[in-house]
Amino acid sequence: MIRVRGLVKRFGPRFALRGVDLEVGKGECVALVGPNGAGKTTLLRILATLSRPTEGSAHVDGLDLAQDANALRRRVGFLSHQPLLYDDLSAEENLRFYGRMYEVTGLGARVTAMLDQLGLVHARHDLVRTYSRGMKQRLSIARALLHDPPVLLLDEPYTGLDRQAAGMLDQILREVGIDSRTILLTTHNVERGLGLTQRVALLARGQVVFEMDAASWDPGQFQQVYDRQVAGSSALR
């Protein structure tokens, strides 16, 4: 469902990605971990068509990133560090705006269903700038899933959430059908990510340098590989 080959991203003389190879199968959930600056967010932004690679290729659901960007966007939902919401619009207005861009059929009913499923229907007319961090996270999930994409990209979805809120996020993701989608998520919290994923991939120095199945997870082995690959880094959180 996601196939990346030799992906390079360069910002002037600096390389963010140095030839990434990665595959995520249909219905699979993969956690991408690594130190700050490893290129995790850059990779997800490229797959979401928000940035263009310098070299290499990427396909999502059989569509070429370079040739089929418009069609590819309809197959991807992206949850980023930033909520990508308009603070001076209400929750409903935000979803209607995005729904029109994606040409969602039965938009009114779909908006209501998403707000209800994510526990926001009572605040549908409230301006987003009045929302708490957790409420914005829920609305961002609704935005990412509004057009029912088969592929979901989650960039550090647990950032800024306490343990209780992170647990609620896991529950919400399962309730909105995460098990029926192909997921690629980045996280510093590997233990939390293991609750959702089938595989963990380590991105270091702009390349995927190690992968491990969640079913055979050995934290000691992974820590050793992490420390060896990420020279001078602090221990994996």
C-alpha atoms as a PDB file:
ATOM      1  CA  MET A   1       0.000   0.000   0.000  1.00  0.00           C
ATOM      2  CA  ILE A   2       2.988   2.278   0.658  1.00  0.00           C
ATOM      3  CA  ARG A   3       6.198   1.681  -1.284  1.00  0.00           C
ATOM      4  CA  VAL A   4       9.180   4.004  -1.021  1.00  0.00           C
ATOM      5  CA  ARG A   5      12.363   3.466  -3.023  1.00  0.00           C
ATOM      6  CA  GLY A   6      15.594   5.477  -2.779  1.00  0.00           C
ATOM      7  CA  LEU A   7      13.816   8.553  -1.447  1.00  0.00           C
ATOM      8  CA  VAL A   8      16.120  11.553  -1.022  1.00  0.00           C
ATOM      9  CA  LYS A   9      15.237  14.973   0.331  1.00  0.00           C
ATOM     10  CA  ARG A  10      17.837  17.718   0.364  1.00  0.00           C
ATOM     11  CA  PHE A  11      17.492  21.241   1.736  1.00  0.00           C
ATOM     12  CA  GLY A  12      20.402  23.051   0.123  1.00  0.00           C
ATOM     13  CA  PRO A  13      23.543  21.216   1.240  1.00  0.00           C
ATOM     14  CA  ARG A  14      21.730  19.367   4.058  1.00  0.00           C
ATOM     15  CA  PHE A  15      20.180  15.938   3.545  1.00  0.00           C
ATOM     16  CA  ALA A  16      16.980  15.157   5.470  1.00  0.00           C
ATOM     17  CA  LEU A  17      16.563  11.787   3.734  1.00  0.00           C
ATOM     18  CA  ARG A  18      19.400   9.792   2.171  1.00  0.00           C
ATOM     19  CA  GLY A  19      17.765   7.033   0.163  1.00  0.00           C
ATOM     20  CA  VAL A  20      14.863   5.681   2.215  1.00  0.00           C
ATOM     21  CA  ASP A  21      13.439   2.261   1.316  1.00  0.00           C
ATOM     22  CA  LEU A  22      10.220   1.258   3.089  1.00  0.00           C
ATOM     23  CA  GLU A  23       7.116  -0.814   2.446  1.00  0.00           C
ATOM     24  CA  VAL A  24       3.852  -0.925   4.390  1.00  0.00           C
ATOM     25  CA  GLY A  25       1.383  -3.630   3.401  1.00  0.00           C
ATOM     26  CA  LYS A  26      -2.365  -3.221   3.064  1.00  0.00           C
ATOM     27  CA  GLY A  27      -3.976  -3.088   6.502  1.00  0.00           C
ATOM     28  CA  GLU A  28      -0.594  -2.977   8.234  1.00  0.00           C
ATOM     29  CA  CYS A  29       0.371  -0.451  10.909  1.00  0.00           C
ATOM     30  CA  VAL A  30       4.060   0.484  11.130  1.00  0.00           C
ATOM     31  CA  ALA A  31       5.716   2.742  13.711  1.00  0.00           C
ATOM     32  CA  LEU A  32       8.628   4.832  12.488  1.00  0.00           C
ATOM     33  CA  VAL A  33      10.989   5.841  15.295  1.00  0.00           C
ATOM     34  CA  GLY A  34      14.264   7.718  15.473  1.00  0.00           C
ATOM     35  CA  PRO A  35      15.978  10.757  16.978  1.00  0.00           C
ATOM     36  CA  ASN A  36      14.976  14.346  16.296  1.00  0.00           C
ATOM     37  CA  GLY A  37      16.196  15.363  12.864  1.00  0.00           C
ATOM     38  CA  ALA A  38      16.192  11.811  11.495  1.00  0.00           C
ATOM     39  CA  GLY A  39      13.737  12.751   8.744  1.00  0.00           C
ATOM     40  CA  LYS A  40      10.522  11.174  10.089  1.00  0.00           C
ATOM     41  CA  THR A  41       8.310  14.213   9.582  1.00  0.00           C
ATOM     42  CA  THR A  42       9.914  14.933   6.211  1.00  0.00           C
ATOM     43  CA  LEU A  43       9.045  11.427   5.011  1.00  0.00           C
ATOM     44  CA  LEU A  44       5.406  11.731   6.093  1.00  0.00           C
ATOM     45  CA  ARG A  45       5.074  15.186   4.534  1.00  0.00           C
ATOM     46  CA  ILE A  46       6.350  13.794   1.239  1.00  0.00           C
ATOM     47  CA  LEU A  47       3.861  10.902   1.358  1.00  0.00           C
ATOM     48  CA  ALA A  48       1.099  13.410   2.134  1.00  0.00           C
ATOM     49  CA  THR A  49       2.165  15.425  -0.975  1.00  0.00           C
ATOM     50  CA  LEU A  50       3.032  18.465   1.168  1.00  0.00           C
ATOM     51  CA  SER A  51       6.677  18.286   0.092  1.00  0.00           C
ATOM     52  CA  ARG A  52       8.455  16.987  -2.984  1.00  0.00           C
ATOM     53  CA  PRO A  53      11.385  14.574  -2.859  1.00  0.00           C
ATOM     54  CA  THR A  54      14.696  15.497  -4.421  1.00  0.00           C
ATOM     55  CA  GLU A  55      15.214  11.988  -5.782  1.00  0.00           C
ATOM     56  CA  GLY A  56      13.621   8.561  -5.600  1.00  0.00           C
ATOM     57  CA  SER A  57      10.051   7.317  -5.915  1.00  0.00           C
ATOM     58  CA  ALA A  58       7.015   6.730  -3.721  1.00  0.00           C
ATOM     59  CA  HIS A  59       3.721   4.979  -4.421  1.00  0.00           C
ATOM     60  CA  VAL A  60       0.582   4.970  -2.293  1.00  0.00           C
ATOM     61  CA  ASP A  61      -2.207   2.547  -3.170  1.00  0.00           C
ATOM     62  CA  GLY A  62      -0.513   2.031  -6.533  1.00  0.00           C
ATOM     63  CA  LEU A  63      -0.383   5.744  -7.357  1.00  0.00           C
ATOM     64  CA  ASP A  64       2.886   7.443  -8.240  1.00  0.00           C
ATOM     65  CA  LEU A  65       3.612  10.416  -5.989  1.00  0.00           C
ATOM     66  CA  ALA A  66       5.151  12.403  -8.849  1.00  0.00           C
ATOM     67  CA  GLN A  67       2.436  11.759 -11.451  1.00  0.00           C
ATOM     68  CA  ASP A  68      -0.786  11.210  -9.499  1.00  0.00           C
ATOM     69  CA  ALA A  69      -0.563  13.651  -6.574  1.00  0.00           C
ATOM     70  CA  ASN A  70      -4.173  14.856  -6.817  1.00  0.00           C
ATOM     71  CA  ALA A  71      -5.640  11.356  -6.880  1.00  0.00           C
ATOM     72  CA  LEU A  72      -3.233  10.249  -4.167  1.00  0.00           C
ATOM     73  CA  ARG A  73      -4.441  12.959  -1.764  1.00  0.00           C
ATOM     74  CA  ARG A  74      -7.907  11.421  -1.781  1.00  0.00           C
ATOM     75  CA  ARG A  75      -6.435   8.166  -0.466  1.00  0.00           C
ATOM     76  CA  VAL A  76      -4.426   9.688   2.387  1.00  0.00           C
ATOM     77  CA  GLY A  77      -5.384  11.175   5.746  1.00  0.00           C
ATOM     78  CA  PHE A  78      -2.650  13.163   7.489  1.00  0.00           C
ATOM     79  CA  LEU A  79      -2.445  13.974  11.196  1.00  0.00           C
ATOM     80  CA  SER A  80       0.522  16.294  11.743  1.00  0.00           C
ATOM     81  CA  HIS A  81       2.230  18.174  14.577  1.00  0.00           C
ATOM     82  CA  GLN A  82       0.005  21.111  13.706  1.00  0.00           C
ATOM     83  CA  PRO A  83      -3.764  20.476  13.773  1.00  0.00           C
ATOM     84  CA  LEU A  84      -4.252  22.114  10.332  1.00  0.00           C
ATOM     85  CA  LEU A  85      -7.459  23.688  11.603  1.00  0.00           C
ATOM     86  CA  TYR A  86      -8.801  27.219  11.312  1.00  0.00           C
ATOM     87  CA  ASP A  87      -9.095  28.703  14.803  1.00  0.00           C
ATOM     88  CA  ASP A  88     -11.721  31.287  13.835  1.00  0.00           C
ATOM     89  CA  LEU A  89     -14.055  28.666  12.365  1.00  0.00           C
ATOM     90  CA  SER A  90     -16.200  26.260  14.338  1.00  0.00           C
ATOM     91  CA  ALA A  91     -15.562  22.535  14.352  1.00  0.00           C
ATOM     92  CA  GLU A  92     -18.408  21.970  11.903  1.00  0.00           C
ATOM     93  CA  GLU A  93     -17.233  24.771   9.607  1.00  0.00           C
ATOM     94  CA  ASN A  94     -13.724  23.308   9.542  1.00  0.00           C
ATOM     95  CA  LEU A  95     -14.983  19.869   8.558  1.00  0.00           C
ATOM     96  CA  ARG A  96     -17.354  21.247   5.946  1.00  0.00           C
ATOM     97  CA  PHE A  97     -14.495  23.242   4.421  1.00  0.00           C
ATOM     98  CA  TYR A  98     -12.265  20.183   4.128  1.00  0.00           C
ATOM     99  CA  GLY A  99     -15.168  18.019   3.029  1.00  0.00           C
ATOM    100  CA  ARG A 100     -15.896  20.326   0.095  1.00  0.00           C
ATOM    101  CA  MET A 101     -12.262  20.155  -0.987  1.00  0.00           C
ATOM    102  CA  TYR A 102     -12.438  16.357  -0.974  1.00  0.00           C
ATOM    103  CA  GLU A 103     -15.908  16.404  -2.579  1.00  0.00           C
ATOM    104  CA  VAL A 104     -17.293  14.185   0.190  1.00  0.00           C
ATOM    105  CA  THR A 105     -20.779  12.958  -0.683  1.00  0.00           C
ATOM    106  CA  GLY A 106     -23.502  13.359   1.954  1.00  0.00           C
ATOM    107  CA  LEU A 107     -21.234  15.859   3.661  1.00  0.00           C
ATOM    108  CA  GLY A 108     -23.652  17.092   6.323  1.00  0.00           C
ATOM    109  CA  ALA A 109     -24.391  13.585   7.591  1.00  0.00           C
ATOM    110  CA  ARG A 110     -20.723  12.630   7.430  1.00  0.00           C
ATOM    111  CA  VAL A 111     -19.678  15.681   9.478  1.00  0.00           C
ATOM    112  CA  THR A 112     -22.280  14.935  12.130  1.00  0.00           C
ATOM    113  CA  ALA A 113     -21.263  11.271  12.278  1.00  0.00           C
ATOM    114  CA  MET A 114     -17.570  12.125  12.718  1.00  0.00           C
ATOM    115  CA  LEU A 115     -18.234  14.729  15.400  1.00  0.00           C
ATOM    116  CA  ASP A 116     -20.495  12.299  17.241  1.00  0.00           C
ATOM    117  CA  GLN A 117     -17.996   9.452  16.988  1.00  0.00           C
ATOM    118  CA  LEU A 118     -15.214  11.633  18.372  1.00  0.00           C
ATOM    119  CA  GLY A 119     -17.317  13.104  21.173  1.00  0.00           C
ATOM    120  CA  LEU A 120     -17.446  16.646  19.784  1.00  0.00           C
ATOM    121  CA  VAL A 121     -21.020  16.960  18.572  1.00  0.00           C
ATOM    122  CA  HIS A 122     -21.930  19.033  21.637  1.00  0.00           C
ATOM    123  CA  ALA A 123     -19.248  21.596  20.673  1.00  0.00           C
ATOM    124  CA  ARG A 124     -19.809  21.548  16.920  1.00  0.00           C
ATOM    125  CA  HIS A 125     -20.598  25.288  16.793  1.00  0.00           C
ATOM    126  CA  ASP A 126     -17.790  26.406  19.134  1.00  0.00           C
ATOM    127  CA  LEU A 127     -14.795  28.169  17.606  1.00  0.00           C
ATOM    128  CA  VAL A 128     -11.718  25.950  17.451  1.00  0.00           C
ATOM    129  CA  ARG A 129      -9.642  28.571  19.299  1.00  0.00           C
ATOM    130  CA  THR A 130     -11.732  27.780  22.394  1.00  0.00           C
ATOM    131  CA  TYR A 131     -10.887  24.061  22.193  1.00  0.00           C
ATOM    132  CA  SER A 132      -8.485  22.292  24.557  1.00  0.00           C
ATOM    133  CA  ARG A 133      -5.421  20.442  23.226  1.00  0.00           C
ATOM    134  CA  GLY A 134      -7.259  17.131  23.449  1.00  0.00           C
ATOM    135  CA  MET A 135     -10.352  18.468  21.677  1.00  0.00           C
ATOM    136  CA  LYS A 136      -8.219  19.848  18.845  1.00  0.00           C
ATOM    137  CA  GLN A 137      -6.529  16.465  18.539  1.00  0.00           C
ATOM    138  CA  ARG A 138      -9.915  14.795  18.213  1.00  0.00           C
ATOM    139  CA  LEU A 139     -11.058  17.296  15.595  1.00  0.00           C
ATOM    140  CA  SER A 140      -7.800  16.784  13.700  1.00  0.00           C
ATOM    141  CA  ILE A 141      -8.531  13.067  13.602  1.00  0.00           C
ATOM    142  CA  ALA A 142     -12.004  13.839  12.256  1.00  0.00           C
ATOM    143  CA  ARG A 143     -10.427  16.060   9.581  1.00  0.00           C
ATOM    144  CA  ALA A 144      -7.947  13.349   8.592  1.00  0.00           C
ATOM    145  CA  LEU A 145     -10.643  10.658   8.350  1.00  0.00           C
ATOM    146  CA  LEU A 146     -13.487  12.734   6.922  1.00  0.00           C
ATOM    147  CA  HIS A 147     -12.986  11.474   3.355  1.00  0.00           C
ATOM    148  CA  ASP A 148     -12.550   7.869   4.590  1.00  0.00           C
ATOM    149  CA  PRO A 149      -8.980   7.388   3.298  1.00  0.00           C
ATOM    150  CA  PRO A 150      -7.486   3.875   3.149  1.00  0.00           C
ATOM    151  CA  VAL A 151      -4.069   5.233   4.226  1.00  0.00           C
ATOM    152  CA  LEU A 152      -3.451   7.187   7.429  1.00  0.00           C
ATOM    153  CA  LEU A 153      -0.235   9.076   8.243  1.00  0.00           C
ATOM    154  CA  LEU A 154       0.181  10.033  11.912  1.00  0.00           C
ATOM    155  CA  ASP A 155       3.059  12.328  12.841  1.00  0.00           C
ATOM    156  CA  GLU A 156       3.765  12.126  16.595  1.00  0.00           C
ATOM    157  CA  PRO A 157       0.082  11.772  17.529  1.00  0.00           C
ATOM    158  CA  TYR A 158       0.907  11.504  21.262  1.00  0.00           C
ATOM    159  CA  THR A 159       2.837  14.773  21.494  1.00  0.00           C
ATOM    160  CA  GLY A 160       1.540  16.961  24.323  1.00  0.00           C
ATOM    161  CA  LEU A 161      -0.824  14.297  25.654  1.00  0.00           C
ATOM    162  CA  ASP A 162      -0.601  12.873  29.174  1.00  0.00           C
ATOM    163  CA  ARG A 163      -0.930   9.132  29.828  1.00  0.00           C
ATOM    164  CA  GLN A 164      -4.714   9.264  30.188  1.00  0.00           C
ATOM    165  CA  ALA A 165      -5.180  11.348  27.038  1.00  0.00           C
ATOM    166  CA  ALA A 166      -2.814   9.067  25.100  1.00  0.00           C
ATOM    167  CA  GLY A 167      -4.884   6.066  26.149  1.00  0.00           C
ATOM    168  CA  MET A 168      -8.023   7.844  24.997  1.00  0.00           C
ATOM    169  CA  LEU A 169      -6.347   8.543  21.644  1.00  0.00           C
ATOM    170  CA  ASP A 170      -5.623   4.816  21.186  1.00  0.00           C
ATOM    171  CA  GLN A 171      -9.267   4.040  21.921  1.00  0.00           C
ATOM    172  CA  ILE A 172     -10.498   6.725  19.521  1.00  0.00           C
ATOM    173  CA  LEU A 173      -8.244   5.492  16.723  1.00  0.00           C
ATOM    174  CA  ARG A 174      -9.584   1.976  17.139  1.00  0.00           C
ATOM    175  CA  GLU A 175     -13.174   3.218  17.205  1.00  0.00           C
ATOM    176  CA  VAL A 176     -12.742   5.117  13.932  1.00  0.00           C
ATOM    177  CA  GLY A 177     -11.495   2.027  12.162  1.00  0.00           C
ATOM    178  CA  ILE A 178      -7.716   2.091  12.429  1.00  0.00           C
ATOM    179  CA  ASP A 179      -7.662  -1.703  12.055  1.00  0.00           C
ATOM    180  CA  SER A 180      -9.107  -1.463   8.540  1.00  0.00           C
ATOM    181  CA  ARG A 181      -6.568   1.084   7.313  1.00  0.00           C
ATOM    182  CA  THR A 182      -2.914   1.151   6.363  1.00  0.00           C
ATOM    183  CA  ILE A 183      -1.078   3.216   8.979  1.00  0.00           C
ATOM    184  CA  LEU A 184       2.367   4.780   9.133  1.00  0.00           C
ATOM    185  CA  LEU A 185       3.002   6.673  12.351  1.00  0.00           C
ATOM    186  CA  THR A 186       6.020   8.376  13.860  1.00  0.00           C
ATOM    187  CA  THR A 187       6.538   8.302  17.605  1.00  0.00           C
ATOM    188  CA  HIS A 188       9.113   8.692  20.349  1.00  0.00           C
ATOM    189  CA  ASN A 189       6.971   6.530  22.621  1.00  0.00           C
ATOM    190  CA  VAL A 190       7.715   3.068  21.228  1.00  0.00           C
ATOM    191  CA  GLU A 191       5.879   1.240  23.996  1.00  0.00           C
ATOM    192  CA  ARG A 192       2.718   3.213  23.282  1.00  0.00           C
ATOM    193  CA  GLY A 193       3.096   2.694  19.543  1.00  0.00           C
ATOM    194  CA  LEU A 194       3.455  -1.066  19.981  1.00  0.00           C
ATOM    195  CA  GLY A 195      -0.149  -1.206  21.118  1.00  0.00           C
ATOM    196  CA  LEU A 196      -1.224  -0.293  17.588  1.00  0.00           C
ATOM    197  CA  THR A 197       1.520  -1.496  15.268  1.00  0.00           C
ATOM    198  CA  GLN A 198       2.697  -4.768  13.734  1.00  0.00           C
ATOM    199  CA  ARG A 199       6.205  -3.518  12.950  1.00  0.00           C
ATOM    200  CA  VAL A 200       8.717  -0.921  14.138  1.00  0.00           C
ATOM    201  CA  ALA A 201      11.224   0.708  11.757  1.00  0.00           C
ATOM    202  CA  LEU A 202      14.216   2.766  12.875  1.00  0.00           C
ATOM    203  CA  LEU A 203      15.096   5.844  10.833  1.00  0.00           C
ATOM    204  CA  ALA A 204      18.577   7.194  11.478  1.00  0.00           C
ATOM    205  CA  ARG A 205      20.735   9.581   9.456  1.00  0.00           C
ATOM    206  CA  GLY A 206      18.032   9.747   6.801  1.00  0.00           C
ATOM    207  CA  GLN A 207      17.739   5.992   6.191  1.00  0.00           C
ATOM    208  CA  VAL A 208      15.729   3.052   7.501  1.00  0.00           C
ATOM    209  CA  VAL A 209      18.477   1.078   9.226  1.00  0.00           C
ATOM    210  CA  PHE A 210      16.556  -1.580  11.191  1.00  0.00           C
ATOM    211  CA  GLU A 211      13.108  -3.178  11.408  1.00  0.00           C
ATOM    212  CA  MET A 212      11.522  -5.473  13.990  1.00  0.00           C
ATOM    213  CA  ASP A 213       8.126  -7.173  14.191  1.00  0.00           C
ATOM    214  CA  ALA A 214       6.079  -6.099  17.183  1.00  0.00           C
ATOM    215  CA  ALA A 215       5.206  -9.746  17.914  1.00  0.00           C
ATOM    216  CA  SER A 216       8.891 -10.519  18.565  1.00  0.00           C
ATOM    217  CA  TRP A 217       9.619  -7.222  20.317  1.00  0.00           C
ATOM    218  CA  ASP A 218      12.780  -7.286  22.419  1.00  0.00           C
ATOM    219  CA  PRO A 219      13.300  -3.849  24.000  1.00  0.00           C
ATOM    220  CA  GLY A 220      16.882  -4.669  25.008  1.00  0.00           C
ATOM    221  CA  GLN A 221      17.867  -5.674  21.480  1.00  0.00           C
ATOM    222  CA  PHE A 222      16.153  -2.678  19.964  1.00  0.00           C
ATOM    223  CA  GLN A 223      17.838  -0.344  22.450  1.00  0.00           C
ATOM    224  CA  GLN A 224      21.253  -1.755  21.540  1.00  0.00           C
ATOM    225  CA  VAL A 225      20.582  -1.293  17.828  1.00  0.00           C
ATOM    226  CA  TYR A 226      19.253   2.209  18.441  1.00  0.00           C
ATOM    227  CA  ASP A 227      22.296   3.259  20.455  1.00  0.00           C
ATOM    228  CA  ARG A 228      24.644   1.756  17.884  1.00  0.00           C
ATOM    229  CA  GLN A 229      22.923   3.386  14.905  1.00  0.00           C
ATOM    230  CA  VAL A 230      22.330   6.740  16.562  1.00  0.00           C
ATOM    231  CA  ALA A 231      25.818   7.561  17.766  1.00  0.00           C
ATOM    232  CA  GLY A 232      25.861   9.898  20.727  1.00  0.00           C
ATOM    233  CA  SER A 233      22.090   9.891  21.126  1.00  0.00           C
ATOM    234  CA  SER A 234      20.319   9.649  24.446  1.00  0.00           C
ATOM    235  CA  ALA A 235      18.506   6.437  25.364  1.00  0.00           C
ATOM    236  CA  LEU A 236      15.305   5.729  23.501  1.00  0.00           C
ATOM    237  CA  ARG A 237      12.306   7.047  25.385  1.00  0.00           C
END
